[in-house]
Amino acid sequence: MKIKYFGHSNFLISSDCNIIIDPFFTGNPFVDENEKDNVKPDIIIVTHAHADHVGDTEYIAKKTNAIIISNFEICNYFEKKGLKTHALHIGGKKTFPWGFIKLTPAFHGSSFADGSYGGSPAGVIVNIEGKSVYHAGDTGLSYEMKMLGETNDIYVAMLPVGDNFTMGIEDAVKAAEWLRAKIVIPMHYNTFDLIKVNVEEFEYAFRHFRLEYMKSKEETTL
């Protein structure tokens, strides 16, 4: 499995199936928007309807014939445009020969650029190659993350750290603790002035937490 990060909340997972999550290229300061012509996903996952997450979904789906997976309202929106979709809602899972995709709770808003309702925001678990990759979407810290850590063997967690509209660094570290992820990737930061943070603070805080967690675990075991 390969994971490529295009900035903001835009990730490409390349494996038995190529999956892009929140394909925000046009207007994304961290990537050449022409990269949208280079990605060839089989599946596009959209966590919620805000423009910086829907991004170039329509353009890429038309170009690649990819299936769009999201909540019912977002899928209905794209289905009316003649695109292939598969609707899920929170807790719902779609199984494939290579694994599954499951929507998880996220605490945020979800509306299209014109203000119309975009359904419930979501995070997503992609299980592929026997590993679970969790993309939290735009969300604040919630106790559901502890439940996800207890019921899933999460290998990679992609967590927002930009604050203001989502979790900040401190809450993201707590989320990482609850999720028990082996690898944590910060996202949704420094794209706009309102979500500018020093991501090195997250790296320091996370490394500190991991050391303290292991120490505590060893003491508990002994």
C-alpha atoms as a PDB file:
ATOM      1  CA  MET A   1       0.000   0.000   0.000  1.00  0.00           C
ATOM      2  CA  LYS A   2       1.163   3.539  -0.780  1.00  0.00           C
ATOM      3  CA  ILE A   3      -0.367   6.673   0.694  1.00  0.00           C
ATOM      4  CA  LYS A   4       0.239  10.023  -0.999  1.00  0.00           C
ATOM      5  CA  TYR A   5      -0.704  13.271   0.744  1.00  0.00           C
ATOM      6  CA  PHE A   6      -1.707  16.230  -1.438  1.00  0.00           C
ATOM      7  CA  GLY A   7      -2.210  18.657   1.450  1.00  0.00           C
ATOM      8  CA  HIS A   8      -5.297  19.696   3.401  1.00  0.00           C
ATOM      9  CA  SER A   9      -7.370  16.476   3.708  1.00  0.00           C
ATOM     10  CA  ASN A  10      -6.582  15.039   0.272  1.00  0.00           C
ATOM     11  CA  PHE A  11      -5.044  11.543   0.283  1.00  0.00           C
ATOM     12  CA  LEU A  12      -4.494   8.898  -2.389  1.00  0.00           C
ATOM     13  CA  ILE A  13      -4.310   5.277  -1.257  1.00  0.00           C
ATOM     14  CA  SER A  14      -2.771   3.068  -3.941  1.00  0.00           C
ATOM     15  CA  SER A  15      -3.096  -0.696  -3.623  1.00  0.00           C
ATOM     16  CA  ASP A  16      -5.354  -3.421  -5.042  1.00  0.00           C
ATOM     17  CA  CYS A  17      -7.826  -0.567  -5.427  1.00  0.00           C
ATOM     18  CA  ASN A  18      -6.857   3.093  -5.903  1.00  0.00           C
ATOM     19  CA  ILE A  19      -8.847   5.325  -3.571  1.00  0.00           C
ATOM     20  CA  ILE A  20      -8.733   9.104  -3.230  1.00  0.00           C
ATOM     21  CA  ILE A  21     -10.276  10.871  -0.238  1.00  0.00           C
ATOM     22  CA  ASP A  22     -11.487  14.498  -0.402  1.00  0.00           C
ATOM     23  CA  PRO A  23      -9.804  15.330  -3.760  1.00  0.00           C
ATOM     24  CA  PHE A  24      -9.231  19.058  -3.250  1.00  0.00           C
ATOM     25  CA  PHE A  25      -6.748  20.140  -5.957  1.00  0.00           C
ATOM     26  CA  THR A  26      -8.115  23.378  -7.468  1.00  0.00           C
ATOM     27  CA  GLY A  27      -7.400  26.118  -4.932  1.00  0.00           C
ATOM     28  CA  ASN A  28      -5.201  23.890  -2.766  1.00  0.00           C
ATOM     29  CA  PRO A  29      -1.956  25.844  -2.139  1.00  0.00           C
ATOM     30  CA  PHE A  30       0.039  22.678  -1.399  1.00  0.00           C
ATOM     31  CA  VAL A  31      -0.334  21.014  -4.795  1.00  0.00           C
ATOM     32  CA  ASP A  32      -0.295  21.855  -8.498  1.00  0.00           C
ATOM     33  CA  GLU A  33      -3.952  21.679  -9.481  1.00  0.00           C
ATOM     34  CA  ASN A  34      -2.902  19.834 -12.661  1.00  0.00           C
ATOM     35  CA  GLU A  35      -2.249  16.840 -10.407  1.00  0.00           C
ATOM     36  CA  LYS A  36      -5.967  16.174 -10.691  1.00  0.00           C
ATOM     37  CA  ASP A  37      -5.245  14.955 -14.239  1.00  0.00           C
ATOM     38  CA  ASN A  38      -2.647  12.466 -13.003  1.00  0.00           C
ATOM     39  CA  VAL A  39      -4.696  10.626 -10.390  1.00  0.00           C
ATOM     40  CA  LYS A  40      -6.622   7.578 -11.601  1.00  0.00           C
ATOM     41  CA  PRO A  41      -8.779   6.417  -8.691  1.00  0.00           C
ATOM     42  CA  ASP A  42     -11.234   3.557  -8.820  1.00  0.00           C
ATOM     43  CA  ILE A  43     -13.090   5.093  -5.870  1.00  0.00           C
ATOM     44  CA  ILE A  44     -13.521   8.676  -4.643  1.00  0.00           C
ATOM     45  CA  ILE A  45     -14.545   9.110  -1.015  1.00  0.00           C
ATOM     46  CA  VAL A  46     -16.061  12.445   0.032  1.00  0.00           C
ATOM     47  CA  THR A  47     -16.312  12.988   3.789  1.00  0.00           C
ATOM     48  CA  HIS A  48     -18.670  15.980   3.603  1.00  0.00           C
ATOM     49  CA  ALA A  49     -19.998  18.615   1.219  1.00  0.00           C
ATOM     50  CA  HIS A  50     -17.774  21.611   1.984  1.00  0.00           C
ATOM     51  CA  ALA A  51     -15.971  22.859  -1.110  1.00  0.00           C
ATOM     52  CA  ASP A  52     -12.471  22.133   0.233  1.00  0.00           C
ATOM     53  CA  HIS A  53     -13.439  18.446   0.521  1.00  0.00           C
ATOM     54  CA  VAL A  54     -15.734  17.893  -2.464  1.00  0.00           C
ATOM     55  CA  GLY A  55     -12.986  19.636  -4.408  1.00  0.00           C
ATOM     56  CA  ASP A  56     -12.518  18.197  -7.913  1.00  0.00           C
ATOM     57  CA  THR A  57     -14.705  15.138  -7.369  1.00  0.00           C
ATOM     58  CA  GLU A  58     -16.944  15.776 -10.371  1.00  0.00           C
ATOM     59  CA  TYR A  59     -14.021  16.465 -12.728  1.00  0.00           C
ATOM     60  CA  ILE A  60     -12.058  13.368 -11.660  1.00  0.00           C
ATOM     61  CA  ALA A  61     -15.097  11.080 -11.645  1.00  0.00           C
ATOM     62  CA  LYS A  62     -16.039  12.102 -15.182  1.00  0.00           C
ATOM     63  CA  LYS A  63     -12.470  11.594 -16.356  1.00  0.00           C
ATOM     64  CA  THR A  64     -11.853   8.220 -14.681  1.00  0.00           C
ATOM     65  CA  ASN A  65     -15.366   6.749 -14.286  1.00  0.00           C
ATOM     66  CA  ALA A  66     -14.581   6.291 -10.586  1.00  0.00           C
ATOM     67  CA  ILE A  67     -17.337   5.388  -8.120  1.00  0.00           C
ATOM     68  CA  ILE A  68     -18.127   8.122  -5.596  1.00  0.00           C
ATOM     69  CA  ILE A  69     -18.738   6.863  -2.051  1.00  0.00           C
ATOM     70  CA  SER A  70     -20.231   9.270   0.457  1.00  0.00           C
ATOM     71  CA  ASN A  71     -23.427   9.874   2.404  1.00  0.00           C
ATOM     72  CA  PHE A  72     -26.797   9.609   0.659  1.00  0.00           C
ATOM     73  CA  GLU A  73     -27.238  13.335   0.094  1.00  0.00           C
ATOM     74  CA  ILE A  74     -23.831  13.832  -1.535  1.00  0.00           C
ATOM     75  CA  CYS A  75     -24.240  10.699  -3.654  1.00  0.00           C
ATOM     76  CA  ASN A  76     -27.689  11.873  -4.739  1.00  0.00           C
ATOM     77  CA  TYR A  77     -26.160  15.211  -5.773  1.00  0.00           C
ATOM     78  CA  PHE A  78     -23.559  13.534  -7.987  1.00  0.00           C
ATOM     79  CA  GLU A  79     -25.915  10.861  -9.298  1.00  0.00           C
ATOM     80  CA  LYS A  80     -28.075  13.624 -10.766  1.00  0.00           C
ATOM     81  CA  LYS A  81     -24.974  14.658 -12.722  1.00  0.00           C
ATOM     82  CA  GLY A  82     -24.790  11.195 -14.263  1.00  0.00           C
ATOM     83  CA  LEU A  83     -21.914   9.923 -12.110  1.00  0.00           C
ATOM     84  CA  LYS A  84     -21.593   6.495 -10.481  1.00  0.00           C
ATOM     85  CA  THR A  85     -22.130   6.497  -6.732  1.00  0.00           C
ATOM     86  CA  HIS A  86     -22.620   4.206  -3.764  1.00  0.00           C
ATOM     87  CA  ALA A  87     -24.291   5.798  -0.752  1.00  0.00           C
ATOM     88  CA  LEU A  88     -23.469   4.913   2.848  1.00  0.00           C
ATOM     89  CA  HIS A  89     -24.306   6.490   6.171  1.00  0.00           C
ATOM     90  CA  ILE A  90     -22.649   6.499   9.576  1.00  0.00           C
ATOM     91  CA  GLY A  91     -21.818   2.955  10.639  1.00  0.00           C
ATOM     92  CA  GLY A  92     -22.603   1.564   7.186  1.00  0.00           C
ATOM     93  CA  LYS A  93     -20.041  -0.621   5.432  1.00  0.00           C
ATOM     94  CA  LYS A  94     -19.494  -1.602   1.798  1.00  0.00           C
ATOM     95  CA  THR A  95     -17.483  -4.807   1.325  1.00  0.00           C
ATOM     96  CA  PHE A  96     -15.190  -5.393  -1.655  1.00  0.00           C
ATOM     97  CA  PRO A  97     -12.961  -8.350  -2.665  1.00  0.00           C
ATOM     98  CA  TRP A  98      -9.988  -6.401  -1.257  1.00  0.00           C
ATOM     99  CA  GLY A  99     -11.564  -5.201   2.010  1.00  0.00           C
ATOM    100  CA  PHE A 100     -14.201  -2.652   2.988  1.00  0.00           C
ATOM    101  CA  ILE A 101     -15.105   1.017   3.361  1.00  0.00           C
ATOM    102  CA  LYS A 102     -17.050   2.132   6.434  1.00  0.00           C
ATOM    103  CA  LEU A 103     -18.311   5.586   7.415  1.00  0.00           C
ATOM    104  CA  THR A 104     -17.651   6.759  10.967  1.00  0.00           C
ATOM    105  CA  PRO A 105     -19.001   9.664  13.047  1.00  0.00           C
ATOM    106  CA  ALA A 106     -17.605  13.169  12.559  1.00  0.00           C
ATOM    107  CA  PHE A 107     -18.752  16.317  14.363  1.00  0.00           C
ATOM    108  CA  HIS A 108     -18.822  19.151  11.864  1.00  0.00           C
ATOM    109  CA  GLY A 109     -21.158  20.695   9.275  1.00  0.00           C
ATOM    110  CA  SER A 110     -21.906  19.657   5.707  1.00  0.00           C
ATOM    111  CA  SER A 111     -23.321  21.992   3.071  1.00  0.00           C
ATOM    112  CA  PHE A 112     -22.594  22.562  -0.598  1.00  0.00           C
ATOM    113  CA  ALA A 113     -21.197  25.844  -1.920  1.00  0.00           C
ATOM    114  CA  ASP A 114     -24.734  27.070  -2.651  1.00  0.00           C
ATOM    115  CA  GLY A 115     -25.764  26.432   0.957  1.00  0.00           C
ATOM    116  CA  SER A 116     -27.841  23.329   0.238  1.00  0.00           C
ATOM    117  CA  TYR A 117     -27.802  20.459   2.717  1.00  0.00           C
ATOM    118  CA  GLY A 118     -24.938  17.979   2.338  1.00  0.00           C
ATOM    119  CA  GLY A 119     -25.989  15.254   4.757  1.00  0.00           C
ATOM    120  CA  SER A 120     -24.110  14.109   7.838  1.00  0.00           C
ATOM    121  CA  PRO A 121     -20.346  14.714   7.865  1.00  0.00           C
ATOM    122  CA  ALA A 122     -18.298  11.560   8.261  1.00  0.00           C
ATOM    123  CA  GLY A 123     -14.934  10.028   8.784  1.00  0.00           C
ATOM    124  CA  VAL A 124     -14.041   6.796   7.017  1.00  0.00           C
ATOM    125  CA  ILE A 125     -12.221   3.544   7.650  1.00  0.00           C
ATOM    126  CA  VAL A 126     -10.659   1.967   4.563  1.00  0.00           C
ATOM    127  CA  ASN A 127      -9.597  -1.619   5.190  1.00  0.00           C
ATOM    128  CA  ILE A 128      -7.202  -2.777   2.467  1.00  0.00           C
ATOM    129  CA  GLU A 129      -4.361  -5.313   2.460  1.00  0.00           C
ATOM    130  CA  GLY A 130      -5.716  -6.365   5.841  1.00  0.00           C
ATOM    131  CA  LYS A 131      -4.862  -2.952   7.323  1.00  0.00           C
ATOM    132  CA  SER A 132      -7.338  -0.317   8.483  1.00  0.00           C
ATOM    133  CA  VAL A 133      -6.684   3.302   7.483  1.00  0.00           C
ATOM    134  CA  TYR A 134      -8.818   5.856   9.340  1.00  0.00           C
ATOM    135  CA  HIS A 135      -9.462   9.313   7.858  1.00  0.00           C
ATOM    136  CA  ALA A 136     -11.274  11.343  10.512  1.00  0.00           C
ATOM    137  CA  GLY A 137     -12.741  13.920   8.136  1.00  0.00           C
ATOM    138  CA  ASP A 138     -13.375  17.332   9.644  1.00  0.00           C
ATOM    139  CA  THR A 139     -14.235  16.751  13.277  1.00  0.00           C
ATOM    140  CA  GLY A 140     -13.716  17.729  16.842  1.00  0.00           C
ATOM    141  CA  LEU A 141     -12.506  15.289  19.443  1.00  0.00           C
ATOM    142  CA  SER A 142     -15.199  12.800  20.409  1.00  0.00           C
ATOM    143  CA  TYR A 143     -15.449   9.734  22.594  1.00  0.00           C
ATOM    144  CA  GLU A 144     -16.461   7.746  19.513  1.00  0.00           C
ATOM    145  CA  MET A 145     -12.739   7.706  18.651  1.00  0.00           C
ATOM    146  CA  LYS A 146     -12.076   5.630  21.752  1.00  0.00           C
ATOM    147  CA  MET A 147     -14.733   3.187  20.588  1.00  0.00           C
ATOM    148  CA  LEU A 148     -13.130   3.055  17.118  1.00  0.00           C
ATOM    149  CA  GLY A 149      -9.784   2.251  18.703  1.00  0.00           C
ATOM    150  CA  GLU A 150     -11.344  -0.542  20.750  1.00  0.00           C
ATOM    151  CA  THR A 151     -13.256  -2.121  17.874  1.00  0.00           C
ATOM    152  CA  ASN A 152     -10.749  -1.662  15.032  1.00  0.00           C
ATOM    153  CA  ASP A 153      -7.056  -2.421  14.629  1.00  0.00           C
ATOM    154  CA  ILE A 154      -6.202   0.969  13.120  1.00  0.00           C
ATOM    155  CA  TYR A 155      -2.864   1.002  11.337  1.00  0.00           C
ATOM    156  CA  VAL A 156      -2.894   4.605  10.057  1.00  0.00           C
ATOM    157  CA  ALA A 157      -4.926   7.529  11.407  1.00  0.00           C
ATOM    158  CA  MET A 158      -5.260  10.809   9.504  1.00  0.00           C
ATOM    159  CA  LEU A 159      -6.291  13.477  11.998  1.00  0.00           C
ATOM    160  CA  PRO A 160      -7.111  17.180  11.570  1.00  0.00           C
ATOM    161  CA  VAL A 161      -4.911  19.463  13.700  1.00  0.00           C
ATOM    162  CA  GLY A 162      -5.649  22.959  12.366  1.00  0.00           C
ATOM    163  CA  ASP A 163      -8.015  24.007  15.176  1.00  0.00           C
ATOM    164  CA  ASN A 164     -10.757  26.631  14.665  1.00  0.00           C
ATOM    165  CA  PHE A 165     -12.966  24.403  12.445  1.00  0.00           C
ATOM    166  CA  THR A 166     -11.704  21.034  13.770  1.00  0.00           C
ATOM    167  CA  MET A 167      -9.553  19.538  16.507  1.00  0.00           C
ATOM    168  CA  GLY A 168      -6.356  21.322  17.383  1.00  0.00           C
ATOM    169  CA  ILE A 169      -3.065  19.685  18.268  1.00  0.00           C
ATOM    170  CA  GLU A 170      -3.863  18.887  21.907  1.00  0.00           C
ATOM    171  CA  ASP A 171      -7.153  17.176  21.053  1.00  0.00           C
ATOM    172  CA  ALA A 172      -5.582  15.337  18.113  1.00  0.00           C
ATOM    173  CA  VAL A 173      -2.975  13.837  20.443  1.00  0.00           C
ATOM    174  CA  LYS A 174      -5.774  12.618  22.708  1.00  0.00           C
ATOM    175  CA  ALA A 175      -7.542  11.171  19.652  1.00  0.00           C
ATOM    176  CA  ALA A 176      -4.344   9.328  18.705  1.00  0.00           C
ATOM    177  CA  GLU A 177      -4.185   7.878  22.205  1.00  0.00           C
ATOM    178  CA  TRP A 178      -7.763   6.614  21.994  1.00  0.00           C
ATOM    179  CA  LEU A 179      -7.405   5.274  18.455  1.00  0.00           C
ATOM    180  CA  ARG A 180      -4.207   3.326  19.255  1.00  0.00           C
ATOM    181  CA  ALA A 181      -2.981   3.914  15.708  1.00  0.00           C
ATOM    182  CA  LYS A 182       0.479   2.744  14.743  1.00  0.00           C
ATOM    183  CA  ILE A 183       1.028   5.697  12.372  1.00  0.00           C
ATOM    184  CA  VAL A 184      -0.592   9.146  12.694  1.00  0.00           C
ATOM    185  CA  ILE A 185      -0.646  11.721   9.881  1.00  0.00           C
ATOM    186  CA  PRO A 186      -1.749  15.289  10.695  1.00  0.00           C
ATOM    187  CA  MET A 187      -4.011  16.986   8.141  1.00  0.00           C
ATOM    188  CA  HIS A 188      -6.278  20.005   7.626  1.00  0.00           C
ATOM    189  CA  TYR A 189      -3.744  22.630   8.673  1.00  0.00           C
ATOM    190  CA  ASN A 190      -1.957  25.677   7.170  1.00  0.00           C
ATOM    191  CA  THR A 191      -4.190  25.751   4.087  1.00  0.00           C
ATOM    192  CA  PHE A 192      -5.832  28.998   5.195  1.00  0.00           C
ATOM    193  CA  ASP A 193      -4.910  31.642   7.769  1.00  0.00           C
ATOM    194  CA  LEU A 194      -7.546  30.428  10.222  1.00  0.00           C
ATOM    195  CA  ILE A 195      -6.003  26.958  10.456  1.00  0.00           C
ATOM    196  CA  LYS A 196      -2.328  27.850  10.621  1.00  0.00           C
ATOM    197  CA  VAL A 197      -0.423  25.870  13.245  1.00  0.00           C
ATOM    198  CA  ASN A 198       3.122  24.755  13.902  1.00  0.00           C
ATOM    199  CA  VAL A 199       2.824  21.099  12.949  1.00  0.00           C
ATOM    200  CA  GLU A 200       6.169  20.407  14.629  1.00  0.00           C
ATOM    201  CA  GLU A 201       4.315  20.938  17.911  1.00  0.00           C
ATOM    202  CA  PHE A 202       2.072  18.024  16.980  1.00  0.00           C
ATOM    203  CA  GLU A 203       5.065  15.852  16.151  1.00  0.00           C
ATOM    204  CA  TYR A 204       6.700  16.714  19.480  1.00  0.00           C
ATOM    205  CA  ALA A 205       3.490  16.208  21.448  1.00  0.00           C
ATOM    206  CA  PHE A 206       2.748  12.925  19.717  1.00  0.00           C
ATOM    207  CA  ARG A 207       6.239  11.532  20.238  1.00  0.00           C
ATOM    208  CA  HIS A 208       6.067  12.571  23.894  1.00  0.00           C
ATOM    209  CA  PHE A 209       2.687  10.896  24.264  1.00  0.00           C
ATOM    210  CA  ARG A 210       3.925   7.667  22.648  1.00  0.00           C
ATOM    211  CA  LEU A 211       6.893   7.517  24.992  1.00  0.00           C
ATOM    212  CA  GLU A 212       4.727   8.186  28.029  1.00  0.00           C
ATOM    213  CA  TYR A 213       2.134   5.684  26.832  1.00  0.00           C
ATOM    214  CA  MET A 214       4.715   2.926  26.398  1.00  0.00           C
ATOM    215  CA  LYS A 215       6.225   3.718  29.792  1.00  0.00           C
ATOM    216  CA  SER A 216       2.818   3.548  31.420  1.00  0.00           C
ATOM    217  CA  LYS A 217       2.002   0.317  29.621  1.00  0.00           C
ATOM    218  CA  GLU A 218       5.261  -1.279  30.751  1.00  0.00           C
ATOM    219  CA  GLU A 219       4.632  -0.252  34.334  1.00  0.00           C
ATOM    220  CA  THR A 220       1.099  -1.612  34.176  1.00  0.00           C
ATOM    221  CA  THR A 221       2.315  -4.906  32.720  1.00  0.00           C
ATOM    222  CA  LEU A 222       5.015  -5.283  35.412  1.00  0.00           C
END
